Amino acid sequence: MSDRLGVGIVGAGRVGAVLGNALRAAGHAVVGASGVSVASRERIGTLLPGVPVLEVREVVERAELVLLTVPDDALADLVNGLGRLNAWQPGQIVVHTAGAVGTDVLAPVRAVGGIPLAIHPAMTFTGTSLDLARLAGCVFAVTGPAPVLPIGQALVVELGGEPVVVAEQARPLYHAALAHGANHLVVLVAQAAQALVAAGVESPDKVLGPLLTAALDGAVRGSAAASAGTTAASGVYSLTGPVVRADVGTVANHLAVLGALAGRDPSAADLPGTYRALARAATSRALVGGRIRPDQAQALLDALTEPFGTEGGR
């Protein structure tokens, strides 16, 4: 964008303070930020030095570009509340960073002639300066009315990111995909590390780091092949292990030892169920992808059947 804007940040959490810093580096002026918690105020002081800490309404009144980086569940009430206060202004650019919703939630902004945009960075934030380098090349989902989409795309480019347009109705599915991939990956890694510690491995990170890095790289390459319409559409391009080898005995043994661990350690109670669910999914995709035969898939699914009376009393 060629014009420099006065930026107001509502909710200087992990995302808001970092994006504010990046917009400032791009030449925009951050005219105010709101932050209730001590942590938010500390982020403002660290990442946005000299920026005044103001009440939300005052931030909005001062800004040409308002960045709403509040928790998803608080967004609608905030937008509607500011609408009742007549805080939104004609021509004002209002951007929220919630992943699961588009710009319908910003209807009060559009009603007064404002410019509504939803811009979601596909990145995990720490709320520190470490995030600034990670913005380079980060994909941002951009949603908004067609005439103003170029404004959102330009903002993303200024942040160092790569804009990808996501339709309003597709935002929930887009966000579910990211949460399923990133958040559940964290749980999966934690479970694997716990099992390794129980197996006597003192530094599970040294075992999992190279292995999972290679697996993730292969999986991402496989997803690219799938998007190109190749035979990798089932997502098992790089899958290895007992499922694609149809090693039913190994899978059954895995369940036995994980069940024993869960019996000894209540904190590992979720491990057998997670293994079953993901192994079933791997079996299905391996079958669709032609990696195993139907009879092999059935044998695996039989081995993965939950014993009667376990996991919910079935």
Protein backbone atom coordinates (compact mmCIF):
# COMPACT_ATOMS: atom_id res chain seq x y z
CA MET A 1 0.00 0.00 0.00
CA SER A 2 1.34 3.43 -0.89
CA ASP A 3 -0.57 5.42 1.74
CA ARG A 4 0.64 5.38 5.32
CA LEU A 5 -2.12 4.72 7.82
CA GLY A 6 -2.72 5.41 11.48
CA VAL A 7 -3.06 1.93 13.00
CA GLY A 8 -4.97 1.12 16.16
CA ILE A 9 -4.61 -2.27 17.81
CA VAL A 10 -7.47 -3.66 19.89
CA GLY A 11 -6.17 -6.54 21.95
CA ALA A 12 -2.38 -6.44 22.09
CA GLY A 13 -1.94 -10.14 22.69
CA ARG A 14 0.56 -12.43 21.03
CA VAL A 15 -0.72 -11.64 17.54
CA GLY A 16 -1.66 -7.97 17.80
CA ALA A 17 1.60 -6.62 19.16
CA VAL A 18 3.65 -8.54 16.59
CA LEU A 19 1.55 -7.44 13.62
CA GLY A 20 1.57 -3.88 14.95
CA ASN A 21 5.35 -3.96 15.07
CA ALA A 22 5.49 -5.26 11.49
CA LEU A 23 3.09 -2.58 10.22
CA ARG A 24 5.16 0.04 12.00
CA ALA A 25 8.29 -1.28 10.29
CA ALA A 26 6.44 -0.95 6.96
CA GLY A 27 6.00 2.76 7.62
CA HIS A 28 2.58 2.96 9.23
CA ALA A 29 2.07 4.83 12.49
CA VAL A 30 0.61 2.88 15.41
CA VAL A 31 -1.54 5.50 17.11
CA GLY A 32 -2.76 3.46 20.04
CA ALA A 33 -3.19 0.00 21.50
CA SER A 34 -5.47 -1.51 24.08
CA GLY A 35 -4.39 -4.15 26.53
CA VAL A 36 -6.00 -5.22 29.77
CA SER A 37 -3.64 -7.88 31.12
CA VAL A 38 -0.18 -7.21 32.47
CA ALA A 39 1.26 -9.42 29.72
CA SER A 40 -0.46 -7.36 27.01
CA ARG A 41 0.83 -4.12 28.43
CA GLU A 42 4.32 -5.56 28.63
CA ARG A 43 4.11 -6.58 24.97
CA ILE A 44 3.07 -3.07 24.02
CA GLY A 45 6.05 -1.68 25.90
CA THR A 46 8.44 -4.18 24.30
CA LEU A 47 7.19 -4.46 20.71
CA LEU A 48 5.46 -1.08 20.38
CA PRO A 49 7.57 1.30 22.47
CA GLY A 50 6.11 4.77 22.70
CA VAL A 51 2.63 3.69 21.61
CA PRO A 52 -0.01 4.94 24.08
CA VAL A 53 -2.13 2.38 25.92
CA LEU A 54 -5.73 3.53 25.47
CA GLU A 55 -9.28 2.40 26.03
CA VAL A 56 -10.75 0.42 23.14
CA ARG A 57 -13.11 3.16 21.97
CA GLU A 58 -10.32 5.73 21.91
CA VAL A 59 -8.10 3.39 19.88
CA VAL A 60 -10.87 2.99 17.31
CA GLU A 61 -11.62 6.71 17.15
CA ARG A 62 -7.96 7.56 16.46
CA ALA A 63 -7.29 4.90 13.82
CA GLU A 64 -7.65 4.73 10.06
CA LEU A 65 -6.82 1.02 10.20
CA VAL A 66 -8.17 -0.91 13.18
CA LEU A 67 -6.61 -4.30 13.90
CA LEU A 68 -8.89 -6.50 16.02
CA THR A 69 -6.78 -9.26 17.55
CA VAL A 70 -9.05 -10.41 20.34
CA PRO A 71 -10.08 -14.02 21.17
CA ASP A 72 -12.44 -15.44 18.56
CA ASP A 73 -15.38 -15.79 20.94
CA ALA A 74 -15.10 -12.13 21.97
CA LEU A 75 -15.03 -10.72 18.45
CA ALA A 76 -18.75 -10.43 17.66
CA ASP A 77 -19.65 -8.81 20.98
CA LEU A 78 -16.79 -6.33 20.58
CA VAL A 79 -17.76 -5.34 17.04
CA ASN A 80 -21.45 -5.00 17.90
CA GLY A 81 -20.71 -3.10 21.09
CA LEU A 82 -18.56 -0.57 19.25
CA GLY A 83 -21.32 -0.28 16.67
CA ARG A 84 -23.84 0.65 19.35
CA LEU A 85 -21.42 3.33 20.52
CA ASN A 86 -21.18 4.70 16.96
CA ALA A 87 -17.42 4.19 17.10
CA TRP A 88 -16.98 2.87 13.54
CA GLN A 89 -16.20 5.45 10.89
CA PRO A 90 -16.87 5.68 7.13
CA GLY A 91 -13.81 4.70 5.11
CA GLN A 92 -12.12 3.11 8.14
CA ILE A 93 -10.34 -0.18 7.41
CA VAL A 94 -11.23 -2.77 10.05
CA VAL A 95 -9.29 -6.03 10.05
CA HIS A 96 -9.80 -9.00 12.35
CA THR A 97 -7.44 -11.96 12.62
CA ALA A 98 -9.86 -14.71 13.71
CA GLY A 99 -9.41 -17.77 11.54
CA ALA A 100 -12.85 -19.38 11.65
CA VAL A 101 -14.96 -16.41 10.51
CA GLY A 102 -14.92 -14.03 7.60
CA THR A 103 -16.30 -10.51 7.34
CA ASP A 104 -19.96 -11.17 8.09
CA VAL A 105 -19.06 -10.55 11.72
CA LEU A 106 -18.00 -7.04 10.69
CA ALA A 107 -21.48 -6.09 9.41
CA PRO A 108 -21.66 -3.01 11.70
CA VAL A 109 -18.47 -1.72 10.07
CA ARG A 110 -19.85 -2.16 6.56
CA ALA A 111 -23.15 -0.55 7.60
CA VAL A 112 -21.44 2.82 8.19
CA GLY A 113 -19.27 2.66 5.07
CA GLY A 114 -16.21 1.07 6.63
CA ILE A 115 -13.98 -1.48 4.90
CA PRO A 116 -14.24 -4.96 6.49
CA LEU A 117 -11.43 -7.49 6.09
CA ALA A 118 -10.49 -10.81 7.70
CA ILE A 119 -6.78 -11.61 7.60
CA HIS A 120 -5.58 -14.76 9.36
CA PRO A 121 -1.89 -15.70 9.56
CA ALA A 122 -1.32 -19.46 9.35
CA MET A 123 1.31 -19.34 12.06
CA THR A 124 1.73 -20.00 15.76
CA PHE A 125 2.70 -16.85 17.66
CA THR A 126 4.88 -16.52 20.76
CA GLY A 127 4.18 -12.82 21.17
CA THR A 128 7.89 -11.98 21.01
CA SER A 129 10.29 -10.56 18.44
CA LEU A 130 10.98 -14.14 17.30
CA ASP A 131 7.69 -14.01 15.41
CA LEU A 132 8.77 -11.11 13.22
CA ALA A 133 11.17 -13.21 11.15
CA ARG A 134 8.54 -15.94 10.82
CA LEU A 135 6.15 -13.53 9.12
CA ALA A 136 8.35 -13.62 6.03
CA GLY A 137 6.62 -15.95 3.62
CA CYS A 138 3.83 -16.79 6.06
CA VAL A 139 0.52 -17.49 4.35
CA PHE A 140 -2.39 -15.25 5.36
CA ALA A 141 -5.98 -16.17 4.55
CA VAL A 142 -7.66 -13.02 3.22
CA THR A 143 -11.45 -12.69 3.13
CA GLY A 144 -13.53 -9.66 2.24
CA PRO A 145 -15.82 -8.07 -0.33
CA ALA A 146 -14.28 -8.40 -3.80
CA PRO A 147 -13.73 -4.63 -4.32
CA VAL A 148 -11.58 -4.34 -1.18
CA LEU A 149 -9.69 -7.64 -1.38
CA PRO A 150 -6.65 -5.86 -2.93
CA ILE A 151 -6.37 -3.77 0.25
CA GLY A 152 -6.15 -6.90 2.38
CA GLN A 153 -3.69 -8.51 0.00
CA ALA A 154 -1.50 -5.41 0.03
CA LEU A 155 -1.48 -5.35 3.83
CA VAL A 156 -0.33 -8.97 3.90
CA VAL A 157 2.48 -8.23 1.46
CA GLU A 158 3.59 -5.32 3.64
CA LEU A 159 3.71 -7.71 6.59
CA GLY A 160 6.04 -9.92 4.58
CA GLY A 161 3.44 -12.61 4.07
CA GLU A 162 1.76 -14.35 1.14
CA PRO A 163 -1.97 -13.64 0.71
CA VAL A 164 -4.35 -16.47 -0.17
CA VAL A 165 -8.01 -15.62 -0.75
CA VAL A 166 -10.44 -17.80 1.23
CA ALA A 167 -14.18 -17.47 0.61
CA GLU A 168 -16.45 -16.39 3.45
CA GLN A 169 -18.28 -19.71 3.62
CA ALA A 170 -15.00 -21.67 3.56
CA ARG A 171 -13.44 -20.00 6.61
CA PRO A 172 -14.70 -22.56 9.18
CA LEU A 173 -13.33 -25.48 7.14
CA TYR A 174 -10.07 -23.62 6.52
CA HIS A 175 -9.64 -23.02 10.23
CA ALA A 176 -10.63 -26.57 11.17
CA ALA A 177 -7.90 -27.84 8.83
CA LEU A 178 -5.25 -25.69 10.49
CA ALA A 179 -6.35 -26.60 14.02
CA HIS A 180 -6.50 -30.29 13.17
CA GLY A 181 -3.04 -30.20 11.64
CA ALA A 182 -1.15 -27.96 14.05
CA ASN A 183 -2.89 -28.38 17.41
CA HIS A 184 -3.36 -32.11 17.14
CA LEU A 185 0.21 -32.50 15.93
CA VAL A 186 1.36 -30.99 19.23
CA VAL A 187 -0.73 -33.54 21.14
CA LEU A 188 0.59 -36.39 19.00
CA VAL A 189 4.21 -35.39 19.58
CA ALA A 190 3.61 -35.08 23.32
CA GLN A 191 2.12 -38.57 23.41
CA ALA A 192 5.03 -40.03 21.43
CA ALA A 193 7.54 -38.33 23.73
CA GLN A 194 5.74 -39.68 26.80
CA ALA A 195 5.87 -43.22 25.43
CA LEU A 196 9.58 -42.87 24.66
CA VAL A 197 10.31 -41.68 28.19
CA ALA A 198 8.38 -44.68 29.52
CA ALA A 199 10.54 -46.86 27.27
CA GLY A 200 13.66 -45.48 28.96
CA VAL A 201 14.70 -42.92 26.35
CA GLU A 202 16.10 -39.95 28.27
CA SER A 203 16.00 -37.41 25.43
CA PRO A 204 12.92 -38.10 23.31
CA ASP A 205 13.41 -34.82 21.46
CA LYS A 206 16.63 -36.15 19.94
CA VAL A 207 14.78 -39.19 18.64
CA LEU A 208 11.65 -37.43 17.46
CA GLY A 209 13.23 -34.30 16.01
CA PRO A 210 14.89 -35.78 12.92
CA LEU A 211 12.23 -38.47 12.46
CA LEU A 212 9.23 -36.13 12.59
CA THR A 213 10.96 -33.43 10.58
CA ALA A 214 11.51 -35.94 7.76
CA ALA A 215 7.96 -37.25 8.10
CA LEU A 216 6.48 -33.75 8.02
CA ASP A 217 8.52 -32.80 4.99
CA GLY A 218 7.35 -35.92 3.18
CA ALA A 219 3.73 -35.34 4.21
CA VAL A 220 3.80 -31.74 3.00
CA ARG A 221 5.28 -32.85 -0.31
CA GLY A 222 2.53 -35.44 -0.51
CA SER A 223 -0.14 -32.80 0.05
CA ALA A 224 1.34 -30.78 -2.80
CA ALA A 225 1.14 -33.85 -5.04
CA ALA A 226 -2.45 -34.43 -3.96
CA SER A 227 -3.42 -30.85 -4.84
CA ALA A 228 -1.94 -31.45 -8.28
CA GLY A 229 -4.37 -34.34 -8.75
CA THR A 230 -1.86 -37.19 -8.67
CA THR A 231 -2.33 -40.64 -7.18
CA ALA A 232 -1.29 -39.20 -3.82
CA ALA A 233 -4.79 -37.85 -3.30
CA SER A 234 -5.27 -40.18 -0.34
CA GLY A 235 -2.43 -38.41 1.47
CA VAL A 236 -0.24 -41.52 1.93
CA TYR A 237 2.49 -40.60 -0.52
CA SER A 238 5.16 -40.75 2.20
CA LEU A 239 3.45 -42.96 4.79
CA THR A 240 5.63 -45.70 6.24
CA GLY A 241 5.20 -48.11 9.12
CA PRO A 242 3.17 -51.18 10.02
CA VAL A 243 -0.14 -50.05 8.51
CA VAL A 244 1.11 -49.69 4.93
CA ARG A 245 3.05 -52.94 5.41
CA ALA A 246 -0.14 -54.59 6.72
CA ASP A 247 1.80 -55.83 9.75
CA VAL A 248 -1.26 -56.71 11.80
CA GLY A 249 0.73 -58.38 14.55
CA THR A 250 2.86 -55.29 15.08
CA VAL A 251 -0.20 -53.06 15.28
CA ALA A 252 -1.81 -55.39 17.82
CA ASN A 253 1.36 -55.39 19.88
CA HIS A 254 1.51 -51.60 19.80
CA LEU A 255 -2.00 -51.47 21.23
CA ALA A 256 -1.06 -53.94 23.95
CA VAL A 257 1.97 -52.02 25.16
CA LEU A 258 0.23 -48.64 24.93
CA GLY A 259 -2.70 -50.06 26.88
CA ALA A 260 -0.30 -51.32 29.53
CA LEU A 261 1.33 -47.88 29.76
CA ALA A 262 -2.09 -46.26 30.14
CA GLY A 263 -2.87 -48.73 32.91
CA ARG A 264 0.30 -47.78 34.80
CA ASP A 265 0.13 -44.05 34.16
CA PRO A 266 -3.27 -42.30 34.12
CA SER A 267 -1.76 -39.33 32.28
CA ALA A 268 -1.26 -41.65 29.29
CA ALA A 269 -4.88 -42.78 29.23
CA ASP A 270 -5.51 -41.03 25.91
CA LEU A 271 -2.71 -42.82 24.07
CA PRO A 272 -4.44 -46.09 23.03
CA GLY A 273 -7.51 -44.28 21.75
CA THR A 274 -5.46 -41.83 19.73
CA TYR A 275 -3.39 -44.65 18.24
CA ARG A 276 -6.56 -46.54 17.27
CA ALA A 277 -8.18 -43.50 15.65
CA LEU A 278 -5.12 -42.50 13.64
CA ALA A 279 -4.29 -46.08 12.65
CA ARG A 280 -7.85 -46.51 11.37
CA ALA A 281 -7.50 -43.31 9.34
CA ALA A 282 -4.12 -44.48 8.01
CA THR A 283 -5.67 -47.83 7.05
CA SER A 284 -8.47 -46.13 5.16
CA ARG A 285 -6.14 -43.82 3.27
CA ALA A 286 -3.67 -46.63 2.55
CA LEU A 287 -6.52 -48.63 1.03
CA VAL A 288 -7.78 -45.74 -1.10
CA GLY A 289 -4.22 -44.97 -2.17
CA GLY A 290 -3.60 -48.55 -3.27
CA ARG A 291 -0.91 -49.22 -0.67
CA ILE A 292 -2.76 -52.19 0.85
CA ARG A 293 -5.40 -54.68 -0.34
CA PRO A 294 -9.00 -54.79 0.95
CA ASP A 295 -8.36 -58.00 2.90
CA GLN A 296 -5.31 -56.46 4.56
CA ALA A 297 -7.30 -53.36 5.46
CA GLN A 298 -10.01 -55.49 7.04
CA ALA A 299 -7.46 -57.43 9.09
CA LEU A 300 -6.00 -54.17 10.37
CA LEU A 301 -9.42 -52.76 11.23
CA ASP A 302 -10.28 -55.96 13.09
CA ALA A 303 -7.11 -55.60 15.14
CA LEU A 304 -7.96 -51.97 15.84
CA THR A 305 -11.45 -52.74 17.16
CA GLU A 306 -11.86 -51.54 20.70
CA PRO A 307 -12.22 -54.37 23.21
CA PHE A 308 -15.71 -54.65 24.68
CA GLY A 309 -16.04 -52.68 27.89
CA THR A 310 -13.25 -50.22 27.17
CA GLU A 311 -13.20 -46.60 26.02
CA GLY A 312 -16.72 -45.60 26.91
CA GLY A 313 -18.00 -48.98 28.03
CA ARG A 314 -18.72 -50.37 24.61
